[in-house]
Amino acid sequence: MDSRKMKTMDGNNAAAHVSYAFTDVAAIYPITPSSVMADETDKYAAAGRKNLFGREVKVTEMQSEAGAAGAVHGSLAAGALTTTYTASQGLLLMIPNMFSLPAKTSTSSYLIPKYTPTPAGRLPRQPRSAPWHSSRQPARRQRRKTFPLSQ
């Protein structure tokens, strides 16, 4: 009998759950659409949840994307596993720091959600996938995926 708990969640929550397990330091600057991941990571740390290595994650909220990139750079140089969450605009501000990281043989994790608004500001509908053969079949509704959580 399987004793794992299953939980329904969206992609941002799943990314925050997994990244928290492999993080020592999280330098966050909440910016839409990555705010959900930063918020979940902050909640986990405030609740005293430990990462995969049995340590509490140090979460630091910065005042800008450039500050978050600098904090990532500094904590990586100190040897910590570091994560940050950003959007496409914030990634552009992090580029100067990102160029120098490979030279220092530092490994980092940048989680960037995909967000493409329509002209009306709404999220676009997902295109229906066509089968590989020529006969057209109606698209099925997709169910939300469940992910096992460890306690």
N, C-alpha and C. Protein backbone atom coordinates (compact mmCIF):
# COMPACT_ATOMS: atom_id res chain seq x y z
N MET A 1 0.84 -1.18 0.00
CA MET A 1 0.00 0.00 0.00
C MET A 1 0.89 1.25 0.00
N ASP A 2 0.57 2.18 -0.86
CA ASP A 2 1.36 3.39 -1.01
C ASP A 2 0.94 4.41 0.05
N SER A 3 1.90 4.89 0.86
CA SER A 3 1.57 5.82 1.94
C SER A 3 1.92 7.27 1.61
N ARG A 4 2.30 7.55 0.35
CA ARG A 4 2.64 8.92 -0.03
C ARG A 4 1.39 9.77 -0.16
N LYS A 5 1.53 11.05 0.21
CA LYS A 5 0.43 11.98 0.04
C LYS A 5 0.53 12.62 -1.33
N MET A 6 -0.60 12.81 -1.98
CA MET A 6 -0.66 13.48 -3.27
C MET A 6 -1.31 14.84 -3.06
N LYS A 7 -0.84 15.84 -3.79
CA LYS A 7 -1.38 17.18 -3.67
C LYS A 7 -1.50 17.79 -5.05
N THR A 8 -2.62 18.43 -5.31
CA THR A 8 -2.82 19.11 -6.58
C THR A 8 -2.26 20.52 -6.47
N MET A 9 -1.44 20.91 -7.46
CA MET A 9 -0.84 22.24 -7.44
C MET A 9 -0.51 22.68 -8.85
N ASP A 10 -0.32 23.98 -9.01
CA ASP A 10 0.07 24.49 -10.33
C ASP A 10 1.59 24.42 -10.48
N GLY A 11 2.08 24.83 -11.63
CA GLY A 11 3.50 24.74 -11.92
C GLY A 11 4.38 25.59 -11.03
N ASN A 12 3.92 26.79 -10.67
CA ASN A 12 4.71 27.66 -9.80
C ASN A 12 4.90 27.05 -8.42
N ASN A 13 3.84 26.49 -7.85
CA ASN A 13 3.95 25.86 -6.54
C ASN A 13 4.83 24.62 -6.60
N ALA A 14 4.72 23.84 -7.68
CA ALA A 14 5.56 22.66 -7.83
C ALA A 14 7.03 23.05 -7.95
N ALA A 15 7.31 24.11 -8.71
CA ALA A 15 8.69 24.57 -8.87
C ALA A 15 9.25 25.06 -7.54
N ALA A 16 8.44 25.78 -6.76
CA ALA A 16 8.89 26.26 -5.45
C ALA A 16 9.15 25.09 -4.50
N HIS A 17 8.28 24.09 -4.53
CA HIS A 17 8.42 22.92 -3.67
C HIS A 17 9.73 22.17 -3.96
N VAL A 18 10.02 21.96 -5.24
CA VAL A 18 11.22 21.22 -5.62
C VAL A 18 12.47 22.05 -5.39
N SER A 19 12.43 23.34 -5.75
CA SER A 19 13.63 24.17 -5.61
C SER A 19 13.99 24.37 -4.14
N TYR A 20 12.99 24.41 -3.27
CA TYR A 20 13.25 24.59 -1.84
C TYR A 20 14.08 23.43 -1.29
N ALA A 21 13.84 22.24 -1.81
CA ALA A 21 14.55 21.06 -1.31
C ALA A 21 16.05 21.12 -1.60
N PHE A 22 16.45 21.83 -2.65
CA PHE A 22 17.86 21.87 -3.06
C PHE A 22 18.48 23.24 -2.86
N THR A 23 17.99 24.03 -1.93
CA THR A 23 18.45 25.40 -1.77
C THR A 23 18.95 25.65 -0.35
N ASP A 24 20.08 26.35 -0.23
CA ASP A 24 20.56 26.84 1.06
C ASP A 24 20.16 28.30 1.24
N VAL A 25 20.24 29.08 0.15
CA VAL A 25 19.93 30.51 0.18
C VAL A 25 18.99 30.82 -0.97
N ALA A 26 17.93 31.57 -0.70
CA ALA A 26 17.02 32.03 -1.74
C ALA A 26 17.00 33.56 -1.72
N ALA A 27 17.51 34.17 -2.78
CA ALA A 27 17.48 35.63 -2.91
C ALA A 27 16.29 35.97 -3.77
N ILE A 28 15.27 36.60 -3.17
CA ILE A 28 14.03 36.82 -3.90
C ILE A 28 13.75 38.30 -4.08
N TYR A 29 13.14 38.59 -5.20
CA TYR A 29 12.54 39.90 -5.46
C TYR A 29 11.23 39.59 -6.17
N PRO A 30 10.12 39.59 -5.44
CA PRO A 30 8.85 39.17 -6.04
C PRO A 30 8.44 40.08 -7.20
N ILE A 31 8.35 39.50 -8.37
CA ILE A 31 7.90 40.22 -9.56
C ILE A 31 6.98 39.28 -10.32
N THR A 32 5.85 39.79 -10.76
CA THR A 32 4.89 38.97 -11.49
C THR A 32 5.56 38.47 -12.75
N PRO A 33 5.41 37.24 -13.15
CA PRO A 33 4.63 36.14 -12.62
C PRO A 33 5.41 35.20 -11.68
N SER A 34 6.61 35.59 -11.25
CA SER A 34 7.39 34.70 -10.38
C SER A 34 7.08 34.92 -8.90
N SER A 35 6.15 35.80 -8.58
CA SER A 35 5.84 36.09 -7.18
C SER A 35 5.36 34.87 -6.41
N VAL A 36 4.65 33.98 -7.07
CA VAL A 36 4.10 32.81 -6.40
C VAL A 36 5.23 31.93 -5.87
N MET A 37 6.26 31.71 -6.69
CA MET A 37 7.38 30.86 -6.26
C MET A 37 8.13 31.49 -5.09
N ALA A 38 8.39 32.79 -5.16
CA ALA A 38 9.09 33.47 -4.07
C ALA A 38 8.25 33.46 -2.80
N ASP A 39 6.96 33.66 -2.93
CA ASP A 39 6.07 33.67 -1.78
C ASP A 39 6.01 32.30 -1.11
N GLU A 40 5.92 31.24 -1.91
CA GLU A 40 5.88 29.89 -1.35
C GLU A 40 7.18 29.55 -0.64
N THR A 41 8.30 29.93 -1.23
CA THR A 41 9.60 29.68 -0.59
C THR A 41 9.69 30.43 0.72
N ASP A 42 9.22 31.66 0.76
CA ASP A 42 9.23 32.45 1.99
C ASP A 42 8.33 31.82 3.05
N LYS A 43 7.17 31.30 2.66
CA LYS A 43 6.28 30.62 3.61
C LYS A 43 6.93 29.36 4.20
N TYR A 44 7.58 28.58 3.34
CA TYR A 44 8.26 27.37 3.82
C TYR A 44 9.33 27.72 4.85
N ALA A 45 10.12 28.76 4.55
CA ALA A 45 11.20 29.14 5.47
C ALA A 45 10.63 29.68 6.78
N ALA A 46 9.55 30.47 6.71
CA ALA A 46 8.94 31.03 7.92
C ALA A 46 8.36 29.93 8.80
N ALA A 47 7.92 28.84 8.19
CA ALA A 47 7.35 27.72 8.95
C ALA A 47 8.44 26.82 9.52
N GLY A 48 9.71 27.11 9.20
CA GLY A 48 10.81 26.31 9.74
C GLY A 48 11.05 25.02 8.99
N ARG A 49 10.52 24.91 7.80
CA ARG A 49 10.70 23.70 7.00
C ARG A 49 12.17 23.55 6.60
N LYS A 50 12.67 22.34 6.63
CA LYS A 50 14.08 22.08 6.29
C LYS A 50 14.19 21.59 4.85
N ASN A 51 15.35 21.85 4.26
CA ASN A 51 15.57 21.39 2.89
C ASN A 51 15.98 19.92 2.89
N LEU A 52 16.38 19.40 1.76
CA LEU A 52 16.74 18.00 1.61
C LEU A 52 17.95 17.61 2.46
N PHE A 53 18.79 18.58 2.79
CA PHE A 53 20.01 18.33 3.54
C PHE A 53 19.83 18.56 5.04
N GLY A 54 18.59 18.81 5.48
CA GLY A 54 18.30 18.99 6.90
C GLY A 54 18.61 20.38 7.43
N ARG A 55 18.78 21.36 6.55
CA ARG A 55 19.07 22.73 6.97
C ARG A 55 17.92 23.65 6.61
N GLU A 56 17.76 24.70 7.40
CA GLU A 56 16.75 25.71 7.07
C GLU A 56 17.29 26.61 5.97
N VAL A 57 16.41 27.02 5.08
CA VAL A 57 16.79 27.88 3.96
C VAL A 57 16.76 29.33 4.42
N LYS A 58 17.82 30.06 4.07
CA LYS A 58 17.88 31.49 4.40
C LYS A 58 17.28 32.27 3.23
N VAL A 59 16.14 32.92 3.47
CA VAL A 59 15.46 33.68 2.43
C VAL A 59 15.72 35.16 2.66
N THR A 60 16.18 35.85 1.62
CA THR A 60 16.45 37.28 1.70
C THR A 60 15.67 37.97 0.59
N GLU A 61 14.80 38.91 0.97
CA GLU A 61 14.07 39.68 -0.04
C GLU A 61 14.86 40.94 -0.35
N MET A 62 15.19 41.10 -1.62
CA MET A 62 16.00 42.23 -2.06
C MET A 62 15.12 43.37 -2.56
N GLN A 63 15.72 44.54 -2.80
CA GLN A 63 14.96 45.71 -3.24
C GLN A 63 14.90 45.86 -4.75
N SER A 64 15.65 45.03 -5.47
CA SER A 64 15.61 45.08 -6.94
C SER A 64 16.11 43.76 -7.50
N GLU A 65 15.90 43.57 -8.80
CA GLU A 65 16.43 42.38 -9.46
C GLU A 65 17.95 42.38 -9.47
N ALA A 66 18.54 43.56 -9.61
CA ALA A 66 20.00 43.64 -9.59
C ALA A 66 20.53 43.23 -8.22
N GLY A 67 19.83 43.62 -7.16
CA GLY A 67 20.23 43.20 -5.81
C GLY A 67 20.11 41.71 -5.62
N ALA A 68 19.04 41.10 -6.17
CA ALA A 68 18.88 39.65 -6.09
C ALA A 68 20.00 38.95 -6.84
N ALA A 69 20.37 39.48 -8.01
CA ALA A 69 21.47 38.89 -8.78
C ALA A 69 22.78 39.00 -8.03
N GLY A 70 23.02 40.13 -7.37
CA GLY A 70 24.24 40.30 -6.58
C GLY A 70 24.28 39.37 -5.39
N ALA A 71 23.13 39.17 -4.75
CA ALA A 71 23.06 38.25 -3.61
C ALA A 71 23.30 36.81 -4.05
N VAL A 72 22.77 36.45 -5.22
CA VAL A 72 23.03 35.12 -5.77
C VAL A 72 24.52 34.94 -6.03
N HIS A 73 25.11 35.95 -6.64
CA HIS A 73 26.53 35.91 -6.96
C HIS A 73 27.37 35.76 -5.69
N GLY A 74 27.07 36.54 -4.66
CA GLY A 74 27.84 36.48 -3.42
C GLY A 74 27.68 35.17 -2.67
N SER A 75 26.45 34.66 -2.58
CA SER A 75 26.25 33.42 -1.84
C SER A 75 26.82 32.22 -2.59
N LEU A 76 26.80 32.27 -3.92
CA LEU A 76 27.44 31.21 -4.69
C LEU A 76 28.94 31.22 -4.48
N ALA A 77 29.53 32.42 -4.42
CA ALA A 77 30.97 32.53 -4.19
C ALA A 77 31.34 31.98 -2.81
N ALA A 78 30.40 32.07 -1.85
CA ALA A 78 30.66 31.54 -0.51
C ALA A 78 30.41 30.03 -0.43
N GLY A 79 29.87 29.44 -1.51
CA GLY A 79 29.68 27.99 -1.54
C GLY A 79 28.30 27.50 -1.21
N ALA A 80 27.30 28.38 -1.17
CA ALA A 80 25.94 27.97 -0.85
C ALA A 80 25.17 27.61 -2.12
N LEU A 81 24.27 26.63 -2.01
CA LEU A 81 23.35 26.34 -3.11
C LEU A 81 22.31 27.44 -3.12
N THR A 82 22.22 28.17 -4.22
CA THR A 82 21.43 29.38 -4.25
C THR A 82 20.39 29.35 -5.35
N THR A 83 19.22 29.89 -5.06
CA THR A 83 18.12 29.96 -6.02
C THR A 83 17.55 31.36 -6.02
N THR A 84 17.09 31.80 -7.19
CA THR A 84 16.32 33.03 -7.29
C THR A 84 15.18 32.80 -8.27
N TYR A 85 14.17 33.60 -8.16
CA TYR A 85 12.98 33.50 -9.00
C TYR A 85 12.82 34.84 -9.71
N THR A 86 12.64 34.82 -11.01
CA THR A 86 12.53 36.06 -11.74
C THR A 86 11.62 35.89 -12.95
N ALA A 87 11.28 36.99 -13.56
CA ALA A 87 10.52 36.99 -14.81
C ALA A 87 11.46 37.43 -15.93
N SER A 88 10.95 37.46 -17.13
CA SER A 88 11.81 37.76 -18.27
C SER A 88 12.46 39.15 -18.16
N GLN A 89 11.73 40.13 -17.64
CA GLN A 89 12.30 41.47 -17.50
C GLN A 89 13.42 41.47 -16.46
N GLY A 90 13.24 40.75 -15.38
CA GLY A 90 14.25 40.67 -14.34
C GLY A 90 15.49 39.93 -14.79
N LEU A 91 15.30 38.98 -15.69
CA LEU A 91 16.43 38.23 -16.21
C LEU A 91 17.38 39.14 -16.97
N LEU A 92 16.83 40.12 -17.67
CA LEU A 92 17.67 41.07 -18.40
C LEU A 92 18.53 41.88 -17.44
N LEU A 93 18.01 42.20 -16.26
CA LEU A 93 18.79 42.95 -15.29
C LEU A 93 19.86 42.09 -14.62
N MET A 94 19.70 40.78 -14.68
CA MET A 94 20.67 39.88 -14.05
C MET A 94 21.81 39.47 -14.97
N ILE A 95 21.72 39.81 -16.25
CA ILE A 95 22.71 39.36 -17.23
C ILE A 95 24.15 39.73 -16.85
N PRO A 96 24.45 40.96 -16.40
CA PRO A 96 25.85 41.26 -16.06
C PRO A 96 26.44 40.30 -15.02
N ASN A 97 25.67 39.96 -14.00
CA ASN A 97 26.15 39.01 -13.00
C ASN A 97 26.22 37.59 -13.55
N MET A 98 25.30 37.24 -14.43
CA MET A 98 25.27 35.89 -14.97
C MET A 98 26.49 35.60 -15.84
N PHE A 99 27.04 36.62 -16.50
CA PHE A 99 28.22 36.40 -17.34
C PHE A 99 29.45 36.02 -16.53
N SER A 100 29.57 36.54 -15.32
CA SER A 100 30.77 36.25 -14.54
C SER A 100 30.68 34.96 -13.72
N LEU A 101 29.49 34.40 -13.55
CA LEU A 101 29.34 33.18 -12.74
C LEU A 101 30.05 31.96 -13.33
N PRO A 102 29.94 31.66 -14.62
CA PRO A 102 30.64 30.47 -15.13
C PRO A 102 32.16 30.56 -14.99
N ALA A 103 32.70 31.76 -15.03
CA ALA A 103 34.15 31.92 -14.87
C ALA A 103 34.60 31.52 -13.47
N LYS A 104 33.70 31.60 -12.51
CA LYS A 104 34.03 31.25 -11.13
C LYS A 104 33.58 29.83 -10.80
N THR A 105 33.18 29.08 -11.81
CA THR A 105 32.69 27.71 -11.67
C THR A 105 31.61 27.58 -10.60
N SER A 106 30.67 28.52 -10.61
CA SER A 106 29.54 28.48 -9.69
C SER A 106 28.31 27.94 -10.41
N THR A 107 27.54 27.13 -9.73
CA THR A 107 26.31 26.61 -10.30
C THR A 107 25.14 27.28 -9.60
N SER A 108 24.21 27.80 -10.37
CA SER A 108 23.06 28.48 -9.79
C SER A 108 21.79 28.01 -10.46
N SER A 109 20.66 28.35 -9.86
CA SER A 109 19.36 27.96 -10.38
C SER A 109 18.52 29.21 -10.56
N TYR A 110 18.09 29.46 -11.78
CA TYR A 110 17.19 30.58 -12.09
C TYR A 110 15.87 29.99 -12.55
N LEU A 111 14.80 30.25 -11.81
CA LEU A 111 13.48 29.74 -12.17
C LEU A 111 12.69 30.87 -12.81
N ILE A 112 12.32 30.68 -14.08
CA ILE A 112 11.67 31.73 -14.85
C ILE A 112 10.37 31.18 -15.43
N PRO A 113 9.22 31.63 -14.94
CA PRO A 113 7.95 31.14 -15.48
C PRO A 113 7.65 31.76 -16.84
N LYS A 114 6.91 31.05 -17.66
CA LYS A 114 6.51 31.56 -18.97
C LYS A 114 5.22 32.33 -18.81
N TYR A 115 5.18 33.56 -19.30
CA TYR A 115 3.99 34.39 -19.22
C TYR A 115 3.89 35.18 -20.51
N THR A 116 2.88 34.92 -21.30
CA THR A 116 2.70 35.65 -22.55
C THR A 116 1.28 36.22 -22.57
N PRO A 117 1.11 37.49 -22.19
CA PRO A 117 -0.23 38.07 -22.17
C PRO A 117 -0.74 38.36 -23.57
N THR A 118 -2.04 38.36 -23.72
CA THR A 118 -2.67 38.75 -24.98
C THR A 118 -2.83 40.26 -24.97
N PRO A 119 -3.23 40.86 -26.09
CA PRO A 119 -3.42 42.32 -26.09
C PRO A 119 -4.42 42.81 -25.04
N ALA A 120 -5.39 41.96 -24.67
CA ALA A 120 -6.37 42.36 -23.67
C ALA A 120 -5.85 42.16 -22.26
N GLY A 121 -4.63 41.61 -22.11
CA GLY A 121 -4.05 41.40 -20.79
C GLY A 121 -4.38 40.06 -20.17
N ARG A 122 -5.10 39.22 -20.91
CA ARG A 122 -5.45 37.90 -20.37
C ARG A 122 -4.44 36.87 -20.87
N LEU A 123 -4.35 35.76 -20.15
CA LEU A 123 -3.49 34.67 -20.60
C LEU A 123 -4.14 34.01 -21.82
N PRO A 124 -3.34 33.66 -22.84
CA PRO A 124 -3.93 33.03 -24.02
C PRO A 124 -4.38 31.61 -23.74
N ARG A 125 -5.34 31.15 -24.51
CA ARG A 125 -5.78 29.76 -24.40
C ARG A 125 -4.68 28.88 -24.95
N GLN A 126 -4.54 27.72 -24.36
CA GLN A 126 -3.54 26.77 -24.83
C GLN A 126 -4.03 26.16 -26.16
N PRO A 127 -3.16 26.07 -27.16
CA PRO A 127 -3.59 25.48 -28.43
C PRO A 127 -3.89 24.00 -28.25
N ARG A 128 -4.87 23.56 -28.96
CA ARG A 128 -5.20 22.13 -28.91
C ARG A 128 -4.20 21.37 -29.75
N SER A 129 -3.73 20.28 -29.22
CA SER A 129 -2.73 19.51 -29.96
C SER A 129 -3.42 18.57 -30.93
N ALA A 130 -2.91 18.52 -32.14
CA ALA A 130 -3.46 17.64 -33.16
C ALA A 130 -2.74 16.29 -33.08
N PRO A 131 -3.46 15.20 -33.33
CA PRO A 131 -2.79 13.90 -33.32
C PRO A 131 -1.80 13.81 -34.48
N TRP A 132 -0.86 12.90 -34.38
CA TRP A 132 0.17 12.81 -35.40
C TRP A 132 -0.35 12.26 -36.72
N HIS A 133 -1.46 11.52 -36.71
CA HIS A 133 -2.00 11.00 -37.96
C HIS A 133 -3.02 11.97 -38.53
N SER A 134 -3.50 11.71 -39.73
CA SER A 134 -4.30 12.69 -40.46
C SER A 134 -5.73 12.82 -39.95
N SER A 135 -6.30 11.79 -39.33
CA SER A 135 -7.69 11.92 -38.87
C SER A 135 -7.74 12.80 -37.63
N ARG A 136 -8.62 13.79 -37.65
CA ARG A 136 -8.73 14.73 -36.54
C ARG A 136 -9.61 14.14 -35.45
N GLN A 137 -9.16 14.24 -34.21
CA GLN A 137 -9.93 13.79 -33.07
C GLN A 137 -10.15 14.98 -32.16
N PRO A 138 -11.29 15.04 -31.46
CA PRO A 138 -11.48 16.17 -30.55
C PRO A 138 -10.48 16.13 -29.40
N ALA A 139 -10.00 17.29 -29.01
CA ALA A 139 -9.03 17.36 -27.92
C ALA A 139 -9.71 17.04 -26.60
N ARG A 140 -9.02 16.33 -25.73
CA ARG A 140 -9.55 16.00 -24.40
C ARG A 140 -9.14 17.05 -23.41
N ARG A 141 -9.98 17.26 -22.42
CA ARG A 141 -9.62 18.18 -21.35
C ARG A 141 -8.54 17.56 -20.50
N GLN A 142 -7.54 18.35 -20.17
CA GLN A 142 -6.44 17.83 -19.37
C GLN A 142 -6.77 17.99 -17.90
N ARG A 143 -6.39 16.98 -17.11
CA ARG A 143 -6.56 17.05 -15.66
C ARG A 143 -5.34 17.68 -15.05
N ARG A 144 -5.51 18.26 -13.86
CA ARG A 144 -4.36 18.79 -13.13
C ARG A 144 -3.55 17.62 -12.62
N LYS A 145 -2.26 17.74 -12.67
CA LYS A 145 -1.38 16.68 -12.21
C LYS A 145 -1.21 16.76 -10.70
N THR A 146 -1.01 15.61 -10.09
CA THR A 146 -0.75 15.58 -8.65
C THR A 146 0.69 15.15 -8.44
N PHE A 147 1.32 15.72 -7.45
CA PHE A 147 2.71 15.44 -7.15
C PHE A 147 2.82 14.91 -5.73
N PRO A 148 3.64 13.88 -5.50
CA PRO A 148 3.80 13.36 -4.14
C PRO A 148 4.59 14.34 -3.29
N LEU A 149 4.20 14.48 -2.05
CA LEU A 149 4.91 15.34 -1.10
C LEU A 149 5.52 14.49 -0.01
N SER A 150 6.71 14.79 0.36
CA SER A 150 7.33 14.07 1.47
C SER A 150 7.19 14.92 2.73
N GLN A 151 6.99 14.28 3.83
CA GLN A 151 6.82 15.01 5.09
C GLN A 151 8.06 14.89 5.94
